[in-house]
Each structure stands twice: as structure tokens, then as C-alpha cells.
Protein backbone atom coordinates (compact mmCIF):
# COMPACT_ATOMS: atom_id res chain seq x y z
CA UNK A 1 65.06 35.24 47.99
CA UNK A 2 61.88 37.32 47.83
CA UNK A 3 60.45 35.76 50.97
CA UNK A 4 63.27 37.63 52.95
CA UNK A 5 61.60 40.94 52.08
CA UNK A 6 57.99 39.94 52.95
CA UNK A 7 56.02 38.86 55.91
CA UNK A 8 54.90 35.26 56.01
CA UNK A 9 51.35 36.14 55.16
CA UNK A 10 52.49 38.15 52.17
CA UNK A 11 54.73 35.37 50.96
CA UNK A 12 51.77 32.84 51.24
CA UNK A 13 49.55 35.30 49.32
CA UNK A 14 52.07 35.62 46.67
CA UNK A 15 52.43 31.83 46.23
CA UNK A 16 48.64 31.49 46.10
CA UNK A 17 48.39 34.33 43.49
CA UNK A 18 51.09 32.61 41.37
CA UNK A 19 49.26 29.20 41.92
CA UNK A 20 52.37 27.65 43.51
CA UNK A 21 51.11 24.66 45.47
CA UNK A 22 54.45 22.89 45.93
CA UNK A 23 57.03 25.17 47.61
CA UNK A 24 59.58 22.31 47.29
CA UNK A 25 59.50 22.63 43.52
CA UNK A 26 60.08 26.35 43.84
CA UNK A 27 63.10 25.84 46.16
CA UNK A 28 64.64 22.52 44.91
CA UNK A 29 63.02 21.74 41.62
CA UNK A 30 64.89 24.38 39.65
CA UNK A 31 68.39 24.48 41.10
CA UNK A 32 70.99 21.82 41.47
CA UNK A 33 72.67 23.86 44.23
CA UNK A 34 72.31 27.19 45.99
CA UNK A 35 75.46 29.05 46.89
CA UNK A 36 74.87 31.91 49.42
CA UNK A 37 77.59 34.53 49.58
CA UNK A 38 77.40 36.21 52.95
CA UNK A 39 77.34 40.02 53.05
CA UNK A 40 80.53 41.70 54.14
CA UNK A 41 78.50 43.31 56.92
CA UNK A 42 78.62 39.89 58.66
CA UNK A 43 82.18 39.14 59.65
CA UNK A 44 83.95 41.77 57.55
CA UNK A 45 82.08 44.99 58.52
CA UNK A 46 85.10 47.11 57.82
CA UNK A 47 84.66 46.44 54.15
CA UNK A 48 80.89 47.06 53.99
CA UNK A 49 80.18 50.39 52.39
CA UNK A 50 77.43 52.15 50.44
CA UNK A 51 79.87 54.18 48.33
CA UNK A 52 80.54 51.53 45.64
CA UNK A 53 76.98 50.52 44.92
CA UNK A 54 74.19 53.05 44.33
CA UNK A 55 71.65 50.32 44.67
CA UNK A 56 72.77 49.37 48.17
CA UNK A 57 70.87 51.31 50.85
CA UNK A 58 70.92 48.97 53.83
CA UNK A 59 72.75 49.80 56.99
CA UNK A 60 75.13 47.12 58.30
CA UNK A 61 72.54 46.05 60.86
CA UNK A 62 69.78 45.66 58.16
CA UNK A 63 72.15 43.96 55.75
CA UNK A 64 72.93 41.31 58.37
CA UNK A 65 69.16 40.85 59.12
CA UNK A 66 68.19 40.40 55.54
CA UNK A 67 71.16 38.11 54.87
CA UNK A 68 70.04 35.87 57.66
CA UNK A 69 66.46 35.74 56.39
CA UNK A 70 67.70 34.98 52.88
CA UNK A 71 69.89 32.09 54.14
CA UNK A 72 66.86 30.72 56.07
CA UNK A 73 64.73 30.95 52.90
CA UNK A 74 66.89 28.23 51.26
CA UNK A 75 67.11 25.97 54.29
CA UNK A 76 65.92 22.57 53.01
CA UNK A 77 67.72 22.54 49.69
CA UNK A 78 69.95 19.40 49.70
CA UNK A 79 72.97 21.31 48.30
CA UNK A 80 73.00 24.61 50.16
CA UNK A 81 76.44 26.03 50.62
CA UNK A 82 77.23 29.17 52.59
CA UNK A 83 80.39 31.16 51.84
CA UNK A 84 81.19 33.29 54.88
CA UNK A 85 83.88 35.89 55.49
CA UNK A 86 86.36 33.56 57.16
CA UNK A 87 88.81 34.27 54.37
CA UNK A 88 89.67 37.38 52.43
CA UNK A 89 87.63 38.32 49.43
CA UNK A 90 89.92 36.66 46.97
CA UNK A 91 89.82 33.48 48.98
CA UNK A 92 86.03 33.77 49.16
CA UNK A 93 85.80 33.88 45.32
CA UNK A 94 88.27 30.92 44.97
CA UNK A 95 86.11 28.90 47.24
CA UNK A 96 83.05 29.75 45.19
CA UNK A 97 84.70 28.82 41.95
CA UNK A 98 86.19 25.60 43.34
CA UNK A 99 82.69 24.60 44.71
CA UNK A 100 81.16 25.27 41.29
CA UNK A 101 83.73 23.06 39.62
CA UNK A 102 83.17 20.28 42.06
CA UNK A 103 79.35 20.55 41.48
CA UNK A 104 79.71 19.95 37.76
CA UNK A 105 82.30 17.30 38.02
CA UNK A 106 85.43 19.20 37.00
CA UNK A 107 88.83 18.84 38.74
CA UNK A 108 89.23 21.21 41.65
CA UNK A 109 91.56 21.86 44.64
CA UNK A 110 88.79 21.80 47.15
CA UNK A 111 89.44 19.33 49.89
CA UNK A 112 86.47 17.63 51.51
CA UNK A 113 87.26 16.68 55.14
CA UNK A 114 85.21 14.01 56.83
CA UNK A 115 81.94 15.66 57.48
CA UNK A 116 79.85 12.94 58.90
CA UNK A 117 79.18 12.37 62.58
CA UNK A 118 77.56 9.50 64.37
CA UNK A 119 74.83 10.59 66.76
CA UNK A 120 73.89 8.80 69.98
CA UNK A 121 70.13 9.17 69.41
CA UNK A 122 67.53 10.84 67.24
CA UNK A 123 67.36 14.52 67.68
CA UNK A 124 64.46 16.01 69.69
CA UNK A 125 62.99 18.90 67.64
CA UNK A 126 62.02 20.58 70.89
CA UNK A 127 65.74 21.06 71.69
CA UNK A 128 66.39 23.12 68.61
CA UNK A 129 67.05 26.72 69.78
CA UNK A 130 64.55 29.48 68.97
CA UNK A 131 65.71 30.98 65.64
CA UNK A 132 67.11 27.84 64.19
CA UNK A 133 64.70 27.06 61.32
CA UNK A 134 64.56 23.46 60.11
CA UNK A 135 62.74 21.32 57.63
CA UNK A 136 61.79 17.62 57.87
CA UNK A 137 61.90 15.21 54.89
CA UNK A 138 61.04 11.67 54.02
CA UNK A 139 63.72 10.31 51.69
CA UNK A 140 63.66 7.29 49.41
CA UNK A 141 66.92 6.31 47.73
CA UNK A 142 66.99 3.65 45.06
CA UNK A 143 70.11 2.28 43.52
CA UNK A 144 70.12 1.49 39.90
CA UNK A 145 71.47 -1.44 38.01
CA UNK A 146 74.90 -0.48 36.51
CA UNK A 147 74.95 -1.57 32.89
CA UNK A 148 78.52 -0.35 32.48
CA UNK A 149 79.89 -2.57 35.26
CA UNK A 150 79.98 -5.55 32.79
CA UNK A 151 81.97 -3.48 30.35
CA UNK A 152 84.47 -2.45 33.01
CA UNK A 153 84.84 -6.04 34.26
CA UNK A 154 85.47 -7.18 30.60
CA UNK A 155 88.10 -4.41 30.11
CA UNK A 156 89.87 -5.31 33.36
CA UNK A 157 89.83 -9.13 32.48
CA UNK A 158 90.74 -8.64 28.84
CA UNK A 159 93.61 -6.28 29.89
CA UNK A 160 95.11 -8.89 32.26
CA UNK A 161 95.52 -11.24 29.27
CA UNK A 162 98.22 -9.00 27.87
CA UNK A 163 100.63 -10.22 30.48
CA UNK A 164 100.30 -13.80 29.42
CA UNK A 165 102.68 -15.16 26.79
CA UNK A 166 100.53 -18.11 25.75
CA UNK A 167 97.22 -16.11 25.18
CA UNK A 168 96.54 -14.59 21.79
CA UNK A 169 94.41 -11.32 21.61
CA UNK A 170 93.66 -8.46 19.20
CA UNK A 171 95.98 -5.79 20.44
CA UNK A 172 94.21 -2.94 18.53
CA UNK A 173 90.85 -3.99 20.02
CA UNK A 174 92.35 -4.16 23.55
CA UNK A 175 93.79 -0.70 23.11
CA UNK A 176 90.32 0.64 22.14
CA UNK A 177 88.77 -0.97 25.17
CA UNK A 178 91.37 0.36 27.63
CA UNK A 179 91.06 3.86 26.35
CA UNK A 180 87.20 3.81 26.79
CA UNK A 181 86.26 6.49 29.35
CA UNK A 182 84.96 3.78 31.83
CA UNK A 183 88.19 2.04 31.93
CA UNK A 184 89.73 4.52 34.42
CA UNK A 185 86.80 4.14 36.87
CA UNK A 186 87.50 1.89 39.80
CA UNK A 187 83.77 2.06 40.62
CA UNK A 188 80.72 3.76 39.24
CA UNK A 189 77.14 3.66 40.51
CA UNK A 190 73.98 5.72 40.28
CA UNK A 191 70.88 6.20 42.32
CA UNK A 192 67.59 8.20 42.18
CA UNK A 193 66.10 9.90 45.15
CA UNK A 194 62.57 11.10 46.07
CA UNK A 195 62.60 13.85 48.68
CA UNK A 196 59.31 14.74 50.36
CA UNK A 197 58.95 17.63 52.77
CA UNK A 198 56.77 17.21 55.82
CA UNK A 199 55.08 19.71 58.09
CA UNK A 200 54.92 18.19 61.61
CA UNK A 201 52.39 19.38 64.19
CA UNK A 202 54.39 19.90 67.41
CA UNK A 203 51.52 18.94 69.64
CA UNK A 204 49.97 15.93 67.77
CA UNK A 205 53.08 14.83 65.84
CA UNK A 206 50.81 14.54 62.71
CA UNK A 207 52.64 14.76 59.48
CA UNK A 208 51.39 16.71 56.40
CA UNK A 209 52.98 16.30 53.01
CA UNK A 210 54.11 19.66 51.50
CA UNK A 211 55.52 18.30 48.27
CA UNK A 212 58.16 16.09 46.63
CA UNK A 213 61.15 16.65 44.45
CA UNK A 214 63.27 14.09 42.53
CA UNK A 215 66.96 13.78 41.64
CA UNK A 216 69.59 11.42 40.26
CA UNK A 217 73.22 11.17 41.40
CA UNK A 218 76.06 9.44 39.56
CA UNK A 219 79.20 8.67 41.58
CA UNK A 220 82.52 7.78 39.84
CA UNK A 221 85.57 6.61 41.80
CA UNK A 222 88.70 6.91 39.71
CA UNK A 223 92.42 6.12 39.99
CA UNK A 224 93.33 9.73 40.02
CA UNK A 225 94.96 10.94 43.30
CA UNK A 226 93.82 14.56 42.99
CA UNK A 227 90.23 13.87 42.19
CA UNK A 228 89.44 10.34 43.23
CA UNK A 229 85.64 10.79 43.43
CA UNK A 230 83.39 12.57 40.91
CA UNK A 231 79.75 13.15 41.88
CA UNK A 232 77.27 14.62 39.45
CA UNK A 233 73.72 15.43 40.43
CA UNK A 234 70.77 16.49 38.37
CA UNK A 235 67.10 17.29 38.90
CA UNK A 236 64.71 14.86 37.30
CA UNK A 237 60.89 14.68 36.92
CA UNK A 238 58.47 12.28 38.67
CA UNK A 239 58.08 10.47 35.41
CA UNK A 240 61.87 10.06 35.04
CA UNK A 241 62.07 8.81 38.58
CA UNK A 242 59.35 6.22 38.15
CA UNK A 243 61.05 5.00 34.90
CA UNK A 244 64.44 4.82 36.60
CA UNK A 245 62.98 2.70 39.38
CA UNK A 246 62.25 -0.04 36.81
CA UNK A 247 66.03 -0.50 36.47
CA UNK A 248 66.41 -0.87 40.23
CA UNK A 249 69.40 -2.99 41.38
CA UNK A 250 67.56 -5.93 42.92
CA UNK A 251 70.68 -6.84 44.99
CA UNK A 252 70.16 -3.77 47.11
CA UNK A 253 67.43 -2.61 49.45
CA UNK A 254 65.52 0.62 48.99
CA UNK A 255 66.99 3.00 51.53
CA UNK A 256 64.47 5.00 53.49
CA UNK A 257 65.37 7.91 55.87
CA UNK A 258 63.96 10.75 57.80
CA UNK A 259 66.02 13.87 57.44
CA UNK A 260 66.24 17.18 59.28
CA UNK A 261 67.97 20.12 57.52
CA UNK A 262 68.98 23.23 59.26
CA UNK A 263 71.69 26.03 59.43
CA UNK A 264 73.94 26.53 62.47
CA UNK A 265 76.53 29.32 62.59
CA UNK A 266 76.79 29.68 58.77
CA UNK A 267 77.06 25.99 58.23
CA UNK A 268 74.52 23.68 56.56
CA UNK A 269 73.62 20.51 58.40
CA UNK A 270 71.35 17.52 57.69
CA UNK A 271 70.52 14.68 60.09
CA UNK A 272 69.99 11.37 58.38
CA UNK A 273 67.78 8.97 60.47
CA UNK A 274 67.59 5.49 58.91
CA UNK A 275 64.26 3.63 58.78
CA UNK A 276 64.99 0.92 56.22
CA UNK A 277 66.75 -1.39 55.90
CA UNK A 278 68.38 -0.53 59.31
CA UNK A 279 66.81 1.43 62.27
CA UNK A 280 68.22 3.38 65.19
CA UNK A 281 71.07 4.82 63.08
CA UNK A 282 71.47 8.62 63.00
CA UNK A 283 74.27 10.38 61.13
CA UNK A 284 74.95 14.16 60.98
CA UNK A 285 76.07 15.43 57.69
CA UNK A 286 77.88 18.76 57.58
CA UNK A 287 78.27 20.77 54.43
CA UNK A 288 81.78 22.02 55.13
CA UNK A 289 84.57 22.05 52.54
CA UNK A 290 88.10 23.17 53.28
CA UNK A 291 90.17 24.84 50.50
CA UNK A 292 93.95 24.74 50.28
CA UNK A 293 95.79 26.84 52.86
CA UNK A 294 96.44 29.29 50.20
CA UNK A 295 92.93 30.56 50.65
CA UNK A 296 93.36 31.49 54.16
CA UNK A 297 93.24 35.12 55.28
CA UNK A 298 91.04 37.73 56.73
CA UNK A 299 89.63 36.95 60.17
CA UNK A 300 89.67 33.15 59.92
CA UNK A 301 91.93 30.22 58.86
CA UNK A 302 90.17 27.69 56.69
CA UNK A 303 93.13 25.39 57.00
CA UNK A 304 92.54 24.78 60.72
CA UNK A 305 90.70 21.60 60.09
CA UNK A 306 93.66 20.05 58.24
CA UNK A 307 96.07 20.86 61.01
CA UNK A 308 94.08 20.59 64.17
CA UNK A 309 91.62 17.87 63.30
CA UNK A 310 88.12 17.60 62.07
CA UNK A 311 86.42 18.62 65.32
CA UNK A 312 87.96 22.02 65.00
CA UNK A 313 86.90 22.59 61.43
CA UNK A 314 83.17 22.04 62.06
CA UNK A 315 81.12 24.15 64.50
CA UNK A 316 78.92 21.31 65.88
CA UNK A 317 75.41 22.10 67.08
CA UNK A 318 75.45 21.81 70.83
CA UNK A 319 71.78 20.59 70.95
CA UNK A 320 72.75 17.32 69.24
CA UNK A 321 74.36 14.34 70.99
CA UNK A 322 77.47 13.63 69.04
CA UNK A 323 79.13 10.23 69.52
CA UNK A 324 82.13 10.58 67.24
CA UNK A 325 83.24 11.69 63.77
CA UNK A 326 83.02 9.01 61.05
CA UNK A 327 86.31 8.25 59.40
CA UNK A 328 87.22 7.56 55.83
CA UNK A 329 88.04 3.89 56.61
CA UNK A 330 86.68 0.61 55.24
CA UNK A 331 85.12 -0.20 58.62
CA UNK A 332 83.15 2.99 58.91
CA UNK A 333 82.15 3.02 55.15
CA UNK A 334 80.95 -0.61 55.49
CA UNK A 335 78.97 0.03 58.67
CA UNK A 336 77.63 3.53 58.11
CA UNK A 337 77.72 4.24 54.34
CA UNK A 338 74.35 4.12 52.61
CA UNK A 339 75.90 2.36 49.56
CA UNK A 340 76.96 -0.55 51.71
CA UNK A 341 73.88 -0.50 54.00
CA UNK A 342 71.66 -0.96 50.94
CA UNK A 343 73.31 -4.36 50.07
CA UNK A 344 71.15 -7.34 50.76
CA UNK A 345 72.90 -9.85 52.97
CA UNK A 346 72.63 -13.51 52.06
């Protein structure tokens, strides 16, 4: 946040004084997520006041300026969420609480609409409007061997024997197996990711490495209708990353991508450009989550995406060539999902 209150040269001097050589570690290596709550001065100016906070001295104009600079300071974090004033204040708080619950894998009422879009071609950075800051990354994603998959397969096979009259089994042991936490999971997988920020010279296209950060994600798909997918992420060290790579799932390719992260109209976007095992595939990811209609209010209606379709719920950047939204279907998942793309075909 401090960079919003300094010039670029002052910020660089501070990093040098603090001996911070990897700004990625500073931005991404300490926080699993960044939740930015937009000032009331932006979108709800009638509620912005200095009377209820002695420490607040900014005019509405200055508050909006500093808020924008603070948002831009966190561009590049893979889990940046912006909570604007499209709902009333209570709805804003509910959205924040629900997003926090989802982050740590707790049940929540937050509905995630389809937020992926197929692009016709790779974005040209020259077409990004002035004032739209972006960061470019090299990403390496490695899926890990699932040691629990054998246990789940055993539980499912063993459980099917209960329906057969001519098969003997230990009922007590079966009950213990079926109540094991993994028995409720339809699917579970894990992967580690190395994310390297690049600085690109606009003239020579030369790439300079700024720094790398590492993370691990575990995805669990359950039989529960309200919360069918649980995704938990954590920051790991380089040593942990290298150790995890030794348990790589050999039936899958290492997925390599180039990514561009940016903010557009209070929404966080990332373009995924595949380099391995496929090429010429570009997908836009939008960090947009739609709460229940009960959270609507104020100047906006967060339920509009549910009623009017996905295209109305996401403010798509006009400088990108959008082909179509990707749907939650087996066909789109198989063709465009990284989990399926990583599978080695025989």
C-alpha cells in the first residue's frame, strides 16, 4: 500500500534501503489473497464523510486518486479481489465475508459464474489503454501424483460389494472406510505453481526476470450441491516447490503459460496464453463473483449476471478480442481446462 503514497523513485529507494530485491515476494510471497475494499468516495460519494473518522483528511477527489493507486499497487497478485460499491454497505461486507470463507475452503453462498472467455488471438500490449497497468508472468504448473486416489477407489469398490448377497465383508471395517473424509470426494487433485514476473522492453521485446513466487493448490470436488468444489491455496517456498516436483504425476504434461494481469473498471483480469503442451490458446480469466440476490442494493444489482447472462455481469475489456464465454460443460472443460489439457494422450 505504501507505494500509493510515494513517487516511483521514492518507492525504489525504499526497496533498496530495505534490501528488497524481489518485489514479487513482497507482493505475493506473504499473502494468499488481497481484498481491496473501494472507498465510498468511488461510487457512493453521498456516504463519504470526514465527520466519523478523525484520521481521514482526504477530499473525495484525493480519496479516489489514492484508492486507484492502491489498487494498482497490488496488480499482479494472483488472487486480487476488488469489492466496489455496487451494493449497499451491508451487502459489501457480506461479499467480503463470503469471499473469505471461500478462500479458506468453508461453505459459502457466493456463486461463481462462468468467468472464462476464449480469445481470438494473443493480446497486443500496445493496445492496452494509457492508465491500465499490467504485469507479465511466466507460469509453470505441475500436477502432483494423488496418493489418496487409490484409497478412494478402494472405498468405492469395497462399498459396491455391500449390494451383493454372495460376497462376505467386514461391515465394521467398511463403515470406517466410508466415513473417511476422502470418501465424499468425487475427485481430488493438487498442483504446484511457479510464477515468474517479467519486465518486457517495449522496443526490443527483451525479457528481464523480476522474481519468482511459488504456491500449491488443492482442488476437491464433492457430492454436495451447495459447495461442489473446494479449492485451497497456500504459499510455499522454492525448496518445497522443488520437493513437490519429485512427486509429479508422470501421466500429465507440465503446463507452461504466459500471463498478463491487469485491472479494468474495478475488475481483476488475467490472460492465460498457453505455450506447452498446446499453443495458440488464449483464455481470459475474470475475477468476478456474484453473491445471492439478497446482497443487491445501492446503485448496482449484483444479481444481473444470473438473470441476464454472463456477458452482462462482466465488464469486458474492449481492447481484447473476445470469441465467446467458456461454459461449464464437459466439452469446454475437456478442450480448454488446464487439468484436461495436461493429460498425455496415447
